[in-house]
Amino acid sequence: MKYLLDHIKKEIKLHSLEEDPNECCGLILEIDKDLRIMKCKNISKDKLNNFEIGPHDYLRGEKRGKIKAYYHSHPNDEIGTFSDIDKKVSLGHGIPLIMYSIKNNKFFEYIS
């Protein structure tokens, strides 16, 4: 998990806890050779079980830097299961998807 540096993990954890019980979502960007997160608004109709990043956040991310990965949280998932939708998002954009499980305090990565 080359994008999960300590400061990135810390920021994703904090974002996840801020949005709990809803899923949080965001982008991991490379800006001037540094990795940073960009929090995004979850526009899904079912925020408890899904995430969706809106087109405005994608554009904002692309303007700020190179999108290296997506991230989101699973507040109630204990085993780190990526949904079919999660996999399609990663495959469709050709970049890794990071998931943080709040219940067991672990990160998981799906690479398309």
PDB file of N, CA and C in Angstrom:
ATOM      1  N   MET A   1       0.846  -1.183   0.000  1.00  0.00           N
ATOM      2  CA  MET A   1       0.000   0.000   0.000  1.00  0.00           C
ATOM      3  C   MET A   1       0.887   1.239   0.000  1.00  0.00           C
ATOM      4  N   LYS A   2       1.392   1.542  -1.163  1.00  0.00           N
ATOM      5  CA  LYS A   2       2.391   2.603  -1.270  1.00  0.00           C
ATOM      6  C   LYS A   2       1.842   4.005  -1.012  1.00  0.00           C
ATOM      7  N   TYR A   3       0.545   4.168  -1.040  1.00  0.00           N
ATOM      8  CA  TYR A   3      -0.021   5.500  -0.808  1.00  0.00           C
ATOM      9  C   TYR A   3      -0.405   5.726   0.652  1.00  0.00           C
ATOM     10  N   LEU A   4      -0.291   4.698   1.467  1.00  0.00           N
ATOM     11  CA  LEU A   4      -0.730   4.808   2.854  1.00  0.00           C
ATOM     12  C   LEU A   4       0.422   5.144   3.795  1.00  0.00           C
ATOM     13  N   LEU A   5       0.948   6.314   3.619  1.00  0.00           N
ATOM     14  CA  LEU A   5       1.956   6.823   4.538  1.00  0.00           C
ATOM     15  C   LEU A   5       1.269   7.144   5.866  1.00  0.00           C
ATOM     16  N   ASP A   6       2.041   7.261   6.919  1.00  0.00           N
ATOM     17  CA  ASP A   6       1.457   7.481   8.252  1.00  0.00           C
ATOM     18  C   ASP A   6       0.534   8.692   8.301  1.00  0.00           C
ATOM     19  N   HIS A   7       0.945   9.812   7.693  1.00  0.00           N
ATOM     20  CA  HIS A   7       0.096  11.011   7.762  1.00  0.00           C
ATOM     21  C   HIS A   7      -1.190  10.830   6.954  1.00  0.00           C
ATOM     22  N   ILE A   8      -1.137  10.057   5.881  1.00  0.00           N
ATOM     23  CA  ILE A   8      -2.337   9.787   5.083  1.00  0.00           C
ATOM     24  C   ILE A   8      -3.303   8.906   5.884  1.00  0.00           C
ATOM     25  N   LYS A   9      -2.787   7.867   6.519  1.00  0.00           N
ATOM     26  CA  LYS A   9      -3.632   7.000   7.351  1.00  0.00           C
ATOM     27  C   LYS A   9      -4.320   7.799   8.450  1.00  0.00           C
ATOM     28  N   LYS A  10      -3.562   8.652   9.107  1.00  0.00           N
ATOM     29  CA  LYS A  10      -4.114   9.454  10.208  1.00  0.00           C
ATOM     30  C   LYS A  10      -5.255  10.338   9.715  1.00  0.00           C
ATOM     31  N   GLU A  11      -5.052  10.987   8.570  1.00  0.00           N
ATOM     32  CA  GLU A  11      -6.082  11.882   8.041  1.00  0.00           C
ATOM     33  C   GLU A  11      -7.323  11.113   7.600  1.00  0.00           C
ATOM     34  N   ILE A  12      -7.128   9.943   6.986  1.00  0.00           N
ATOM     35  CA  ILE A  12      -8.276   9.133   6.565  1.00  0.00           C
ATOM     36  C   ILE A  12      -9.048   8.636   7.785  1.00  0.00           C
ATOM     37  N   LYS A  13      -8.337   8.198   8.815  1.00  0.00           N
ATOM     38  CA  LYS A  13      -9.009   7.760  10.051  1.00  0.00           C
ATOM     39  C   LYS A  13      -9.852   8.888  10.633  1.00  0.00           C
ATOM     40  N   LEU A  14      -9.268  10.083  10.737  1.00  0.00           N
ATOM     41  CA  LEU A  14     -10.003  11.224  11.292  1.00  0.00           C
ATOM     42  C   LEU A  14     -11.233  11.546  10.457  1.00  0.00           C
ATOM     43  N   HIS A  15     -11.080  11.544   9.137  1.00  0.00           N
ATOM     44  CA  HIS A  15     -12.209  11.824   8.251  1.00  0.00           C
ATOM     45  C   HIS A  15     -13.294  10.761   8.436  1.00  0.00           C
ATOM     46  N   SER A  16     -12.885   9.501   8.541  1.00  0.00           N
ATOM     47  CA  SER A  16     -13.843   8.405   8.735  1.00  0.00           C
ATOM     48  C   SER A  16     -14.644   8.586  10.016  1.00  0.00           C
ATOM     49  N   LEU A  17     -13.964   8.940  11.086  1.00  0.00           N
ATOM     50  CA  LEU A  17     -14.640   9.126  12.373  1.00  0.00           C
ATOM     51  C   LEU A  17     -15.543  10.353  12.367  1.00  0.00           C
ATOM     52  N   GLU A  18     -15.152  11.393  11.636  1.00  0.00           N
ATOM     53  CA  GLU A  18     -15.998  12.590  11.513  1.00  0.00           C
ATOM     54  C   GLU A  18     -17.325  12.259  10.835  1.00  0.00           C
ATOM     55  N   GLU A  19     -17.293  11.381   9.854  1.00  0.00           N
ATOM     56  CA  GLU A  19     -18.491  11.070   9.062  1.00  0.00           C
ATOM     57  C   GLU A  19     -19.304   9.896   9.616  1.00  0.00           C
ATOM     58  N   ASP A  20     -18.722   9.115  10.528  1.00  0.00           N
ATOM     59  CA  ASP A  20     -19.396   7.955  11.101  1.00  0.00           C
ATOM     60  C   ASP A  20     -20.746   8.365  11.683  1.00  0.00           C
ATOM     61  N   PRO A  21     -21.851   7.695  11.405  1.00  0.00           N
ATOM     62  CA  PRO A  21     -21.983   6.343  10.879  1.00  0.00           C
ATOM     63  C   PRO A  21     -22.024   6.252   9.352  1.00  0.00           C
ATOM     64  N   ASN A  22     -21.925   7.374   8.653  1.00  0.00           N
ATOM     65  CA  ASN A  22     -21.918   7.349   7.192  1.00  0.00           C
ATOM     66  C   ASN A  22     -20.536   6.988   6.670  1.00  0.00           C
ATOM     67  N   GLU A  23     -20.497   6.519   5.428  1.00  0.00           N
ATOM     68  CA  GLU A  23     -19.217   6.289   4.770  1.00  0.00           C
ATOM     69  C   GLU A  23     -18.634   7.636   4.363  1.00  0.00           C
ATOM     70  N   CYS A  24     -17.343   7.802   4.574  1.00  0.00           N
ATOM     71  CA  CYS A  24     -16.658   8.990   4.070  1.00  0.00           C
ATOM     72  C   CYS A  24     -16.008   8.619   2.745  1.00  0.00           C
ATOM     73  N   CYS A  25     -15.558   9.620   2.006  1.00  0.00           N
ATOM     74  CA  CYS A  25     -14.854   9.349   0.757  1.00  0.00           C
ATOM     75  C   CYS A  25     -13.938  10.518   0.428  1.00  0.00           C
ATOM     76  N   GLY A  26     -12.938  10.224  -0.371  1.00  0.00           N
ATOM     77  CA  GLY A  26     -12.002  11.262  -0.769  1.00  0.00           C
ATOM     78  C   GLY A  26     -10.980  10.740  -1.756  1.00  0.00           C
ATOM     79  N   LEU A  27     -10.050  11.602  -2.073  1.00  0.00           N
ATOM     80  CA  LEU A  27      -9.009  11.301  -3.046  1.00  0.00           C
ATOM     81  C   LEU A  27      -7.643  11.419  -2.393  1.00  0.00           C
ATOM     82  N   ILE A  28      -6.717  10.601  -2.828  1.00  0.00           N
ATOM     83  CA  ILE A  28      -5.318  10.761  -2.454  1.00  0.00           C
ATOM     84  C   ILE A  28      -4.637  11.377  -3.661  1.00  0.00           C
ATOM     85  N   LEU A  29      -4.081  12.558  -3.451  1.00  0.00           N
ATOM     86  CA  LEU A  29      -3.480  13.331  -4.538  1.00  0.00           C
ATOM     87  C   LEU A  29      -1.974  13.430  -4.378  1.00  0.00           C
ATOM     88  N   GLU A  30      -1.297  13.491  -5.508  1.00  0.00           N
ATOM     89  CA  GLU A  30       0.125  13.830  -5.502  1.00  0.00           C
ATOM     90  C   GLU A  30       0.225  15.291  -5.926  1.00  0.00           C
ATOM     91  N   ILE A  31       0.738  16.119  -5.016  1.00  0.00           N
ATOM     92  CA  ILE A  31       0.888  17.550  -5.262  1.00  0.00           C
ATOM     93  C   ILE A  31       2.340  17.904  -4.976  1.00  0.00           C
ATOM     94  N   ASP A  32       3.048  18.342  -5.993  1.00  0.00           N
ATOM     95  CA  ASP A  32       4.471  18.684  -5.840  1.00  0.00           C
ATOM     96  C   ASP A  32       5.257  17.566  -5.148  1.00  0.00           C
ATOM     97  N   LYS A  33       5.064  16.343  -5.607  1.00  0.00           N
ATOM     98  CA  LYS A  33       5.762  15.144  -5.108  1.00  0.00           C
ATOM     99  C   LYS A  33       5.383  14.745  -3.679  1.00  0.00           C
ATOM    100  N   ASP A  34       4.393  15.397  -3.094  1.00  0.00           N
ATOM    101  CA  ASP A  34       3.886  15.028  -1.772  1.00  0.00           C
ATOM    102  C   ASP A  34       2.504  14.407  -1.928  1.00  0.00           C
ATOM    103  N   LEU A  35       2.179  13.458  -1.071  1.00  0.00           N
ATOM    104  CA  LEU A  35       0.849  12.868  -1.067  1.00  0.00           C
ATOM    105  C   LEU A  35      -0.012  13.561  -0.026  1.00  0.00           C
ATOM    106  N   ARG A  36      -1.242  13.878  -0.434  1.00  0.00           N
ATOM    107  CA  ARG A  36      -2.203  14.539   0.455  1.00  0.00           C
ATOM    108  C   ARG A  36      -3.586  13.978   0.178  1.00  0.00           C
ATOM    109  N   ILE A  37      -4.441  14.052   1.184  1.00  0.00           N
ATOM    110  CA  ILE A  37      -5.824  13.659   0.936  1.00  0.00           C
ATOM    111  C   ILE A  37      -6.645  14.899   0.611  1.00  0.00           C
ATOM    112  N   MET A  38      -7.706  14.661  -0.123  1.00  0.00           N
ATOM    113  CA  MET A  38      -8.700  15.694  -0.366  1.00  0.00           C
ATOM    114  C   MET A  38     -10.045  15.086   0.014  1.00  0.00           C
ATOM    115  N   LYS A  39     -10.633  15.601   1.085  1.00  0.00           N
ATOM    116  CA  LYS A  39     -11.944  15.121   1.507  1.00  0.00           C
ATOM    117  C   LYS A  39     -12.965  15.476   0.438  1.00  0.00           C
ATOM    118  N   CYS A  40     -13.868  14.549   0.170  1.00  0.00           N
ATOM    119  CA  CYS A  40     -14.932  14.785  -0.795  1.00  0.00           C
ATOM    120  C   CYS A  40     -16.281  14.594  -0.114  1.00  0.00           C
ATOM    121  N   LYS A  41     -17.281  15.195  -0.691  1.00  0.00           N
ATOM    122  CA  LYS A  41     -18.640  15.034  -0.183  1.00  0.00           C
ATOM    123  C   LYS A  41     -19.202  13.721  -0.714  1.00  0.00           C
ATOM    124  N   ASN A  42     -19.761  12.926   0.173  1.00  0.00           N
ATOM    125  CA  ASN A  42     -20.420  11.686  -0.226  1.00  0.00           C
ATOM    126  C   ASN A  42     -21.824  12.049  -0.704  1.00  0.00           C
ATOM    127  N   ILE A  43     -22.047  11.928  -2.018  1.00  0.00           N
ATOM    128  CA  ILE A  43     -23.343  12.316  -2.577  1.00  0.00           C
ATOM    129  C   ILE A  43     -24.280  11.116  -2.779  1.00  0.00           C
ATOM    130  N   SER A  44     -23.898   9.958  -2.251  1.00  0.00           N
ATOM    131  CA  SER A  44     -24.741   8.769  -2.369  1.00  0.00           C
ATOM    132  C   SER A  44     -26.068   8.996  -1.644  1.00  0.00           C
ATOM    133  N   LYS A  45     -27.120   8.406  -2.179  1.00  0.00           N
ATOM    134  CA  LYS A  45     -28.420   8.486  -1.508  1.00  0.00           C
ATOM    135  C   LYS A  45     -28.444   7.618  -0.251  1.00  0.00           C
ATOM    136  N   ASP A  46     -27.578   6.599  -0.213  1.00  0.00           N
ATOM    137  CA  ASP A  46     -27.490   5.692   0.938  1.00  0.00           C
ATOM    138  C   ASP A  46     -26.089   5.796   1.540  1.00  0.00           C
ATOM    139  N   LYS A  47     -25.851   6.882   2.246  1.00  0.00           N
ATOM    140  CA  LYS A  47     -24.521   7.164   2.796  1.00  0.00           C
ATOM    141  C   LYS A  47     -24.085   6.175   3.883  1.00  0.00           C
ATOM    142  N   LEU A  48     -25.040   5.469   4.474  1.00  0.00           N
ATOM    143  CA  LEU A  48     -24.696   4.480   5.501  1.00  0.00           C
ATOM    144  C   LEU A  48     -23.986   3.268   4.903  1.00  0.00           C
ATOM    145  N   ASN A  49     -24.278   2.967   3.630  1.00  0.00           N
ATOM    146  CA  ASN A  49     -23.772   1.740   3.015  1.00  0.00           C
ATOM    147  C   ASN A  49     -22.975   1.944   1.733  1.00  0.00           C
ATOM    148  N   ASN A  50     -22.943   3.162   1.216  1.00  0.00           N
ATOM    149  CA  ASN A  50     -22.282   3.417  -0.061  1.00  0.00           C
ATOM    150  C   ASN A  50     -21.608   4.782  -0.049  1.00  0.00           C
ATOM    151  N   PHE A  51     -20.749   4.969  -1.034  1.00  0.00           N
ATOM    152  CA  PHE A  51     -20.183   6.296  -1.243  1.00  0.00           C
ATOM    153  C   PHE A  51     -20.233   6.613  -2.729  1.00  0.00           C
ATOM    154  N   GLU A  52     -20.304   7.887  -3.008  1.00  0.00           N
ATOM    155  CA  GLU A  52     -20.220   8.369  -4.387  1.00  0.00           C
ATOM    156  C   GLU A  52     -19.565   9.743  -4.348  1.00  0.00           C
ATOM    157  N   ILE A  53     -18.514   9.885  -5.113  1.00  0.00           N
ATOM    158  CA  ILE A  53     -17.822  11.169  -5.223  1.00  0.00           C
ATOM    159  C   ILE A  53     -18.402  11.892  -6.429  1.00  0.00           C
ATOM    160  N   GLY A  54     -18.832  13.119  -6.230  1.00  0.00           N
ATOM    161  CA  GLY A  54     -19.443  13.885  -7.303  1.00  0.00           C
ATOM    162  C   GLY A  54     -18.435  14.414  -8.312  1.00  0.00           C
ATOM    163  N   PRO A  55     -18.907  14.759  -9.499  1.00  0.00           N
ATOM    164  CA  PRO A  55     -18.009  15.235 -10.558  1.00  0.00           C
ATOM    165  C   PRO A  55     -17.262  16.513 -10.192  1.00  0.00           C
ATOM    166  N   HIS A  56     -17.867  17.369  -9.383  1.00  0.00           N
ATOM    167  CA  HIS A  56     -17.182  18.610  -8.986  1.00  0.00           C
ATOM    168  C   HIS A  56     -15.944  18.307  -8.148  1.00  0.00           C
ATOM    169  N   ASP A  57     -16.048  17.311  -7.262  1.00  0.00           N
ATOM    170  CA  ASP A  57     -14.885  16.936  -6.457  1.00  0.00           C
ATOM    171  C   ASP A  57     -13.795  16.296  -7.314  1.00  0.00           C
ATOM    172  N   TYR A  58     -14.181  15.476  -8.307  1.00  0.00           N
ATOM    173  CA  TYR A  58     -13.173  14.904  -9.213  1.00  0.00           C
ATOM    174  C   TYR A  58     -12.415  16.015  -9.938  1.00  0.00           C
ATOM    175  N   LEU A  59     -13.159  16.969 -10.458  1.00  0.00           N
ATOM    176  CA  LEU A  59     -12.526  18.080 -11.186  1.00  0.00           C
ATOM    177  C   LEU A  59     -11.633  18.902 -10.269  1.00  0.00           C
ATOM    178  N   ARG A  60     -12.104  19.152  -9.060  1.00  0.00           N
ATOM    179  CA  ARG A  60     -11.305  19.899  -8.088  1.00  0.00           C
ATOM    180  C   ARG A  60     -10.006  19.148  -7.779  1.00  0.00           C
ATOM    181  N   GLY A  61     -10.105  17.828  -7.637  1.00  0.00           N
ATOM    182  CA  GLY A  61      -8.919  17.014  -7.384  1.00  0.00           C
ATOM    183  C   GLY A  61      -7.940  17.051  -8.541  1.00  0.00           C
ATOM    184  N   GLU A  62      -8.455  16.927  -9.763  1.00  0.00           N
ATOM    185  CA  GLU A  62      -7.594  16.956 -10.945  1.00  0.00           C
ATOM    186  C   GLU A  62      -6.888  18.294 -11.097  1.00  0.00           C
ATOM    187  N   LYS A  63      -7.534  19.366 -10.692  1.00  0.00           N
ATOM    188  CA  LYS A  63      -6.905  20.696 -10.766  1.00  0.00           C
ATOM    189  C   LYS A  63      -5.816  20.864  -9.712  1.00  0.00           C
ATOM    190  N   ARG A  64      -5.988  20.206  -8.562  1.00  0.00           N
ATOM    191  CA  ARG A  64      -5.027  20.358  -7.460  1.00  0.00           C
ATOM    192  C   ARG A  64      -3.797  19.482  -7.619  1.00  0.00           C
ATOM    193  N   GLY A  65      -3.944  18.334  -8.269  1.00  0.00           N
ATOM    194  CA  GLY A  65      -2.806  17.423  -8.400  1.00  0.00           C
ATOM    195  C   GLY A  65      -3.184  16.180  -9.179  1.00  0.00           C
ATOM    196  N   LYS A  66      -2.330  15.179  -9.117  1.00  0.00           N
ATOM    197  CA  LYS A  66      -2.581  13.908  -9.805  1.00  0.00           C
ATOM    198  C   LYS A  66      -3.305  12.967  -8.847  1.00  0.00           C
ATOM    199  N   ILE A  67      -4.452  12.458  -9.283  1.00  0.00           N
ATOM    200  CA  ILE A  67      -5.217  11.527  -8.457  1.00  0.00           C
ATOM    201  C   ILE A  67      -4.507  10.179  -8.483  1.00  0.00           C
ATOM    202  N   LYS A  68      -4.075   9.728  -7.303  1.00  0.00           N
ATOM    203  CA  LYS A  68      -3.338   8.469  -7.183  1.00  0.00           C
ATOM    204  C   LYS A  68      -4.213   7.327  -6.678  1.00  0.00           C
ATOM    205  N   ALA A  69      -5.242   7.651  -5.884  1.00  0.00           N
ATOM    206  CA  ALA A  69      -6.128   6.618  -5.326  1.00  0.00           C
ATOM    207  C   ALA A  69      -7.394   7.276  -4.790  1.00  0.00           C
ATOM    208  N   TYR A  70      -8.416   6.460  -4.631  1.00  0.00           N
ATOM    209  CA  TYR A  70      -9.643   6.855  -3.946  1.00  0.00           C
ATOM    210  C   TYR A  70      -9.603   6.232  -2.564  1.00  0.00           C
ATOM    211  N   TYR A  71     -10.300   6.842  -1.622  1.00  0.00           N
ATOM    212  CA  TYR A  71     -10.459   6.187  -0.323  1.00  0.00           C
ATOM    213  C   TYR A  71     -11.890   6.352   0.154  1.00  0.00           C
ATOM    214  N   HIS A  72     -12.292   5.434   1.000  1.00  0.00           N
ATOM    215  CA  HIS A  72     -13.594   5.533   1.656  1.00  0.00           C
ATOM    216  C   HIS A  72     -13.564   4.682   2.918  1.00  0.00           C
ATOM    217  N   SER A  73     -14.588   4.851   3.731  1.00  0.00           N
ATOM    218  CA  SER A  73     -14.660   4.092   4.983  1.00  0.00           C
ATOM    219  C   SER A  73     -15.804   3.090   4.927  1.00  0.00           C
ATOM    220  N   HIS A  74     -15.649   2.045   5.703  1.00  0.00           N
ATOM    221  CA  HIS A  74     -16.725   1.093   5.973  1.00  0.00           C
ATOM    222  C   HIS A  74     -16.912   1.078   7.486  1.00  0.00           C
ATOM    223  N   PRO A  75     -17.899   1.805   7.980  1.00  0.00           N
ATOM    224  CA  PRO A  75     -18.096   1.896   9.425  1.00  0.00           C
ATOM    225  C   PRO A  75     -18.410   0.566  10.110  1.00  0.00           C
ATOM    226  N   ASN A  76     -19.100  -0.347   9.422  1.00  0.00           N
ATOM    227  CA  ASN A  76     -19.550  -1.580  10.080  1.00  0.00           C
ATOM    228  C   ASN A  76     -18.949  -2.857   9.511  1.00  0.00           C
ATOM    229  N   ASP A  77     -18.010  -2.763   8.618  1.00  0.00           N
ATOM    230  CA  ASP A  77     -17.411  -3.934   7.967  1.00  0.00           C
ATOM    231  C   ASP A  77     -16.218  -4.416   8.782  1.00  0.00           C
ATOM    232  N   GLU A  78     -16.277  -5.650   9.235  1.00  0.00           N
ATOM    233  CA  GLU A  78     -15.193  -6.190  10.060  1.00  0.00           C
ATOM    234  C   GLU A  78     -14.155  -6.960   9.259  1.00  0.00           C
ATOM    235  N   ILE A  79     -14.476  -7.369   8.025  1.00  0.00           N
ATOM    236  CA  ILE A  79     -13.546  -8.220   7.287  1.00  0.00           C
ATOM    237  C   ILE A  79     -12.933  -7.544   6.059  1.00  0.00           C
ATOM    238  N   GLY A  80     -13.276  -6.306   5.799  1.00  0.00           N
ATOM    239  CA  GLY A  80     -12.659  -5.577   4.694  1.00  0.00           C
ATOM    240  C   GLY A  80     -13.108  -6.037   3.324  1.00  0.00           C
ATOM    241  N   THR A  81     -14.410  -6.187   3.140  1.00  0.00           N
ATOM    242  CA  THR A  81     -14.961  -6.657   1.877  1.00  0.00           C
ATOM    243  C   THR A  81     -15.257  -5.485   0.948  1.00  0.00           C
ATOM    244  N   PHE A  82     -14.683  -5.542  -0.252  1.00  0.00           N
ATOM    245  CA  PHE A  82     -15.001  -4.536  -1.265  1.00  0.00           C
ATOM    246  C   PHE A  82     -16.253  -4.983  -2.010  1.00  0.00           C
ATOM    247  N   SER A  83     -17.195  -4.063  -2.163  1.00  0.00           N
ATOM    248  CA  SER A  83     -18.421  -4.381  -2.890  1.00  0.00           C
ATOM    249  C   SER A  83     -18.125  -4.417  -4.393  1.00  0.00           C
ATOM    250  N   ASP A  84     -19.071  -4.955  -5.160  1.00  0.00           N
ATOM    251  CA  ASP A  84     -18.926  -4.952  -6.619  1.00  0.00           C
ATOM    252  C   ASP A  84     -18.835  -3.528  -7.146  1.00  0.00           C
ATOM    253  N   ILE A  85     -19.582  -2.620  -6.523  1.00  0.00           N
ATOM    254  CA  ILE A  85     -19.538  -1.212  -6.941  1.00  0.00           C
ATOM    255  C   ILE A  85     -18.158  -0.630  -6.657  1.00  0.00           C
ATOM    256  N   ASP A  86     -17.594  -0.936  -5.487  1.00  0.00           N
ATOM    257  CA  ASP A  86     -16.238  -0.475  -5.161  1.00  0.00           C
ATOM    258  C   ASP A  86     -15.255  -0.910  -6.246  1.00  0.00           C
ATOM    259  N   LYS A  87     -15.339  -2.180  -6.630  1.00  0.00           N
ATOM    260  CA  LYS A  87     -14.420  -2.727  -7.632  1.00  0.00           C
ATOM    261  C   LYS A  87     -14.611  -2.055  -8.988  1.00  0.00           C
ATOM    262  N   LYS A  88     -15.864  -1.794  -9.361  1.00  0.00           N
ATOM    263  CA  LYS A  88     -16.141  -1.140 -10.646  1.00  0.00           C
ATOM    264  C   LYS A  88     -15.570   0.269 -10.681  1.00  0.00           C
ATOM    265  N   VAL A  89     -15.653   0.983  -9.560  1.00  0.00           N
ATOM    266  CA  VAL A  89     -15.088   2.337  -9.487  1.00  0.00           C
ATOM    267  C   VAL A  89     -13.589   2.280  -9.743  1.00  0.00           C
ATOM    268  N   SER A  90     -12.915   1.358  -9.073  1.00  0.00           N
ATOM    269  CA  SER A  90     -11.470   1.221  -9.231  1.00  0.00           C
ATOM    270  C   SER A  90     -11.109   0.813 -10.660  1.00  0.00           C
ATOM    271  N   LEU A  91     -11.815  -0.178 -11.194  1.00  0.00           N
ATOM    272  CA  LEU A  91     -11.550  -0.639 -12.555  1.00  0.00           C
ATOM    273  C   LEU A  91     -11.837   0.444 -13.583  1.00  0.00           C
ATOM    274  N   GLY A  92     -12.943   1.160 -13.392  1.00  0.00           N
ATOM    275  CA  GLY A  92     -13.339   2.196 -14.339  1.00  0.00           C
ATOM    276  C   GLY A  92     -12.343   3.331 -14.451  1.00  0.00           C
ATOM    277  N   HIS A  93     -11.683   3.639 -13.357  1.00  0.00           N
ATOM    278  CA  HIS A  93     -10.733   4.750 -13.355  1.00  0.00           C
ATOM    279  C   HIS A  93      -9.282   4.287 -13.379  1.00  0.00           C
ATOM    280  N   GLY A  94      -9.073   2.990 -13.200  1.00  0.00           N
ATOM    281  CA  GLY A  94      -7.726   2.439 -13.285  1.00  0.00           C
ATOM    282  C   GLY A  94      -6.785   2.872 -12.176  1.00  0.00           C
ATOM    283  N   ILE A  95      -7.343   3.140 -11.001  1.00  0.00           N
ATOM    284  CA  ILE A  95      -6.499   3.505  -9.861  1.00  0.00           C
ATOM    285  C   ILE A  95      -6.954   2.738  -8.619  1.00  0.00           C
ATOM    286  N   PRO A  96      -6.065   2.579  -7.643  1.00  0.00           N
ATOM    287  CA  PRO A  96      -6.403   1.812  -6.439  1.00  0.00           C
ATOM    288  C   PRO A  96      -7.523   2.453  -5.618  1.00  0.00           C
ATOM    289  N   LEU A  97      -8.205   1.598  -4.889  1.00  0.00           N
ATOM    290  CA  LEU A  97      -9.245   2.035  -3.963  1.00  0.00           C
ATOM    291  C   LEU A  97      -8.837   1.580  -2.570  1.00  0.00           C
ATOM    292  N   ILE A  98      -8.780   2.514  -1.660  1.00  0.00           N
ATOM    293  CA  ILE A  98      -8.406   2.254  -0.277  1.00  0.00           C
ATOM    294  C   ILE A  98      -9.674   2.268   0.570  1.00  0.00           C
ATOM    295  N   MET A  99      -9.772   1.293   1.471  1.00  0.00           N
ATOM    296  CA  MET A  99     -10.905   1.265   2.389  1.00  0.00           C
ATOM    297  C   MET A  99     -10.374   1.208   3.820  1.00  0.00           C
ATOM    298  N   TYR A 100     -10.971   2.030   4.676  1.00  0.00           N
ATOM    299  CA  TYR A 100     -10.642   1.993   6.095  1.00  0.00           C
ATOM    300  C   TYR A 100     -11.836   1.421   6.843  1.00  0.00           C
ATOM    301  N   SER A 101     -11.614   0.329   7.565  1.00  0.00           N
ATOM    302  CA  SER A 101     -12.646  -0.288   8.389  1.00  0.00           C
ATOM    303  C   SER A 101     -12.550   0.292   9.794  1.00  0.00           C
ATOM    304  N   ILE A 102     -13.571   1.038  10.182  1.00  0.00           N
ATOM    305  CA  ILE A 102     -13.585   1.667  11.499  1.00  0.00           C
ATOM    306  C   ILE A 102     -13.632   0.606  12.601  1.00  0.00           C
ATOM    307  N   LYS A 103     -14.465  -0.427  12.406  1.00  0.00           N
ATOM    308  CA  LYS A 103     -14.654  -1.437  13.458  1.00  0.00           C
ATOM    309  C   LYS A 103     -13.369  -2.138  13.865  1.00  0.00           C
ATOM    310  N   ASN A 104     -12.513  -2.472  12.882  1.00  0.00           N
ATOM    311  CA  ASN A 104     -11.293  -3.188  13.265  1.00  0.00           C
ATOM    312  C   ASN A 104     -10.023  -2.374  13.045  1.00  0.00           C
ATOM    313  N   ASN A 105     -10.190  -1.090  12.748  1.00  0.00           N
ATOM    314  CA  ASN A 105      -9.056  -0.165  12.630  1.00  0.00           C
ATOM    315  C   ASN A 105      -7.988  -0.690  11.659  1.00  0.00           C
ATOM    316  N   LYS A 106      -8.456  -1.112  10.459  1.00  0.00           N
ATOM    317  CA  LYS A 106      -7.536  -1.636   9.448  1.00  0.00           C
ATOM    318  C   LYS A 106      -7.811  -1.005   8.093  1.00  0.00           C
ATOM    319  N   PHE A 107      -6.749  -0.948   7.304  1.00  0.00           N
ATOM    320  CA  PHE A 107      -6.844  -0.476   5.932  1.00  0.00           C
ATOM    321  C   PHE A 107      -6.783  -1.666   4.983  1.00  0.00           C
ATOM    322  N   PHE A 108      -7.519  -1.555   3.877  1.00  0.00           N
ATOM    323  CA  PHE A 108      -7.516  -2.562   2.824  1.00  0.00           C
ATOM    324  C   PHE A 108      -7.366  -1.836   1.495  1.00  0.00           C
ATOM    325  N   GLU A 109      -6.779  -2.512   0.517  1.00  0.00           N
ATOM    326  CA  GLU A 109      -6.559  -1.895  -0.789  1.00  0.00           C
ATOM    327  C   GLU A 109      -7.035  -2.833  -1.885  1.00  0.00           C
ATOM    328  N   TYR A 110      -7.757  -2.263  -2.845  1.00  0.00           N
ATOM    329  CA  TYR A 110      -8.162  -2.997  -4.042  1.00  0.00           C
ATOM    330  C   TYR A 110      -7.451  -2.349  -5.212  1.00  0.00           C
ATOM    331  N   ILE A 111      -6.665  -3.157  -5.918  1.00  0.00           N
ATOM    332  CA  ILE A 111      -5.929  -2.641  -7.073  1.00  0.00           C
ATOM    333  C   ILE A 111      -6.535  -3.245  -8.323  1.00  0.00           C
ATOM    334  N   SER A 112      -6.972  -2.369  -9.235  1.00  0.00           N
ATOM    335  CA  SER A 112      -7.604  -2.852 -10.470  1.00  0.00           C
ATOM    336  C   SER A 112      -6.580  -3.373 -11.445  1.00  0.00           C
TER     337      SER A 112
END
